[in-house]
């Protein structure tokens, strides 16, 4: 809690299709900065096709968080639909965390942050750089490697790796 007993709430949004160890690393780090971190899983099927359903993605995130060590605050997982800034305001969050891996991430995130600021200047965006071991990991790459028969166990928790294997069979 902050000085005035006001809980600092942050949001880490992502498709998590599937959730990777890189995501978990960002979640652990973001959890040090707030009293309550909401992992927000959007139903963004209008602009992205997903391998896993909305409910499956939420369930995978919850399962991986249940086994994650090193969290520093309360962490919850929720579905949301609509504008992220509207969701953040509705939840009383003043901060959105985004992970950055590469320059290509930055260009997209820079544009999104500018638009979000225009819509909701009271909601800050904080970028957390991926650590070296996770900079190249993305859900898309992991799915492609798995589709081609590669071993993705280094990038996913055992439970999520099993869900991915089952989905591909």
Protein backbone atom coordinates (compact mmCIF):
# COMPACT_ATOMS: atom_id res chain seq x y z
CA UNK A 1 0.00 0.00 0.00
CA UNK A 2 1.10 3.56 -0.58
CA UNK A 3 1.34 6.26 2.08
CA UNK A 4 -2.38 7.06 2.04
CA UNK A 5 -3.43 3.40 2.07
CA UNK A 6 -4.37 3.69 -1.57
CA UNK A 7 -3.62 0.49 -3.38
CA UNK A 8 -1.44 0.94 -6.46
CA UNK A 9 -2.91 -1.18 -9.24
CA UNK A 10 -1.13 -2.09 -12.45
CA UNK A 11 -2.23 -4.01 -15.51
CA UNK A 12 -0.17 -6.31 -17.71
CA UNK A 13 -2.21 -7.05 -20.83
CA UNK A 14 -1.41 -9.73 -23.35
CA UNK A 15 -2.90 -12.33 -25.62
CA UNK A 16 -0.88 -15.09 -23.92
CA UNK A 17 -1.46 -17.50 -26.81
CA UNK A 18 0.24 -19.29 -25.07
CA UNK A 19 1.85 -17.70 -22.03
CA UNK A 20 5.65 -18.08 -22.11
CA UNK A 21 8.38 -17.96 -19.50
CA UNK A 22 9.20 -14.53 -20.92
CA UNK A 23 5.72 -13.34 -19.95
CA UNK A 24 6.17 -14.82 -16.48
CA UNK A 25 9.47 -12.97 -16.10
CA UNK A 26 7.79 -9.64 -16.91
CA UNK A 27 4.92 -10.46 -14.53
CA UNK A 28 7.36 -11.20 -11.71
CA UNK A 29 9.18 -7.90 -12.31
CA UNK A 30 5.98 -5.85 -12.62
CA UNK A 31 4.72 -7.37 -9.37
CA UNK A 32 7.52 -5.52 -7.55
CA UNK A 33 6.10 -2.17 -8.60
CA UNK A 34 2.46 -2.33 -7.50
CA UNK A 35 0.24 -3.64 -4.72
CA UNK A 36 -2.06 -5.50 -7.12
CA UNK A 37 -1.20 -6.62 -10.64
CA UNK A 38 -4.00 -7.58 -12.98
CA UNK A 39 -3.08 -9.84 -15.86
CA UNK A 40 -5.60 -8.77 -18.50
CA UNK A 41 -6.40 -11.20 -21.28
CA UNK A 42 -8.30 -9.48 -24.09
CA UNK A 43 -10.79 -11.04 -26.45
CA UNK A 44 -9.05 -9.48 -29.42
CA UNK A 45 -10.30 -11.97 -31.95
CA UNK A 46 -11.33 -9.09 -34.20
CA UNK A 47 -7.68 -8.41 -35.11
CA UNK A 48 -5.84 -11.61 -34.18
CA UNK A 49 -6.51 -15.27 -34.64
CA UNK A 50 -5.69 -17.41 -31.64
CA UNK A 51 -4.77 -21.05 -31.29
CA UNK A 52 -6.35 -21.13 -27.83
CA UNK A 53 -9.80 -19.83 -26.88
CA UNK A 54 -10.21 -16.92 -24.52
CA UNK A 55 -11.09 -19.29 -21.65
CA UNK A 56 -8.14 -21.57 -22.43
CA UNK A 57 -5.71 -18.64 -22.42
CA UNK A 58 -7.05 -17.39 -19.08
CA UNK A 59 -6.83 -20.90 -17.61
CA UNK A 60 -3.20 -21.31 -18.78
CA UNK A 61 -2.19 -17.97 -17.26
CA UNK A 62 -3.88 -18.86 -13.96
CA UNK A 63 -2.25 -22.30 -13.89
CA UNK A 64 1.23 -20.89 -14.57
CA UNK A 65 0.80 -18.14 -11.98
CA UNK A 66 -0.22 -20.73 -9.38
CA UNK A 67 3.23 -22.32 -9.70
CA UNK A 68 5.24 -19.12 -10.20
CA UNK A 69 7.64 -18.12 -7.44
CA UNK A 70 8.93 -14.64 -6.65
CA UNK A 71 5.73 -12.66 -6.94
CA UNK A 72 5.70 -9.56 -4.77
CA UNK A 73 2.03 -8.58 -4.74
CA UNK A 74 -1.45 -9.91 -5.27
CA UNK A 75 -1.84 -11.03 -8.89
CA UNK A 76 -5.18 -11.76 -10.51
CA UNK A 77 -6.13 -12.80 -14.03
CA UNK A 78 -9.13 -11.33 -15.78
CA UNK A 79 -10.74 -11.25 -19.19
CA UNK A 80 -11.50 -7.93 -20.78
CA UNK A 81 -12.97 -6.62 -23.99
CA UNK A 82 -12.83 -3.14 -25.42
CA UNK A 83 -10.25 -0.39 -24.98
CA UNK A 84 -7.42 -1.13 -22.58
CA UNK A 85 -7.49 2.41 -21.16
CA UNK A 86 -11.21 2.11 -20.39
CA UNK A 87 -10.55 -1.20 -18.66
CA UNK A 88 -7.64 0.33 -16.71
CA UNK A 89 -9.82 3.21 -15.52
CA UNK A 90 -12.64 0.84 -14.54
CA UNK A 91 -10.17 -1.17 -12.44
CA UNK A 92 -8.66 1.93 -10.81
CA UNK A 93 -5.28 1.23 -12.40
CA UNK A 94 -2.94 4.07 -13.13
CA UNK A 95 -0.29 2.04 -14.91
CA UNK A 96 -0.05 -0.44 -17.77
CA UNK A 97 3.06 -2.59 -18.08
CA UNK A 98 4.36 -3.70 -21.44
CA UNK A 99 7.27 -5.98 -22.19
CA UNK A 100 9.73 -5.04 -24.91
CA UNK A 101 11.96 -7.53 -26.68
CA UNK A 102 13.29 -5.76 -29.75
CA UNK A 103 13.20 -2.59 -31.81
CA UNK A 104 10.24 -3.99 -33.75
CA UNK A 105 8.27 -4.24 -30.48
CA UNK A 106 9.20 -0.66 -29.63
CA UNK A 107 7.77 0.84 -32.82
CA UNK A 108 4.37 -0.79 -32.29
CA UNK A 109 4.34 -0.10 -28.54
CA UNK A 110 5.42 3.53 -29.08
CA UNK A 111 2.43 4.13 -31.35
CA UNK A 112 0.04 2.37 -28.99
CA UNK A 113 1.35 4.32 -26.00
CA UNK A 114 0.85 7.60 -27.82
CA UNK A 115 -2.72 6.73 -28.71
CA UNK A 116 -3.48 5.48 -25.20
CA UNK A 117 -2.07 8.69 -23.75
CA UNK A 118 -4.28 10.75 -26.06
CA UNK A 119 -7.31 8.77 -24.86
CA UNK A 120 -6.35 8.57 -21.17
CA UNK A 121 -3.44 10.77 -20.04
CA UNK A 122 -3.99 9.60 -16.45
CA UNK A 123 -2.97 6.01 -17.34
CA UNK A 124 0.79 5.66 -17.67
CA UNK A 125 2.57 3.02 -19.72
CA UNK A 126 5.75 1.53 -18.32
CA UNK A 127 8.03 -0.57 -20.50
CA UNK A 128 9.98 -3.44 -19.02
CA UNK A 129 12.78 -4.72 -21.19
CA UNK A 130 12.92 -8.48 -21.58
CA UNK A 131 16.01 -10.04 -20.07
CA UNK A 132 18.56 -11.43 -22.51
CA UNK A 133 17.35 -15.01 -22.30
CA UNK A 134 13.77 -14.03 -23.25
CA UNK A 135 14.37 -11.30 -25.86
CA UNK A 136 13.79 -13.63 -28.78
CA UNK A 137 10.86 -15.59 -27.32
CA UNK A 138 7.37 -14.91 -28.61
CA UNK A 139 4.19 -16.95 -28.50
CA UNK A 140 4.13 -16.93 -32.31
CA UNK A 141 7.65 -18.38 -32.57
CA UNK A 142 6.91 -20.96 -29.89
CA UNK A 143 3.77 -22.12 -31.73
CA UNK A 144 5.65 -22.33 -35.03
CA UNK A 145 8.51 -24.33 -33.50
CA UNK A 146 5.98 -26.70 -31.90
CA UNK A 147 4.03 -27.07 -35.18
CA UNK A 148 7.27 -28.13 -36.88
CA UNK A 149 8.03 -30.71 -34.19
CA UNK A 150 10.61 -28.71 -32.23
CA UNK A 151 11.12 -28.82 -28.48
CA UNK A 152 9.59 -25.76 -26.79
CA UNK A 153 10.02 -26.92 -23.19
CA UNK A 154 12.68 -24.27 -22.57
CA UNK A 155 10.17 -21.51 -23.31
CA UNK A 156 7.00 -22.76 -21.57
CA UNK A 157 6.10 -24.22 -18.22
CA UNK A 158 5.44 -27.99 -18.35
CA UNK A 159 1.67 -27.48 -18.03
CA UNK A 160 1.52 -24.97 -20.87
CA UNK A 161 3.83 -27.07 -23.04
CA UNK A 162 1.45 -30.00 -22.57
CA UNK A 163 -1.57 -27.85 -23.52
CA UNK A 164 0.25 -26.78 -26.69
CA UNK A 165 1.18 -30.36 -27.59
CA UNK A 166 -2.43 -31.46 -27.05
CA UNK A 167 -3.75 -28.62 -29.18
CA UNK A 168 -1.44 -29.54 -32.05
CA UNK A 169 -2.45 -33.23 -32.06
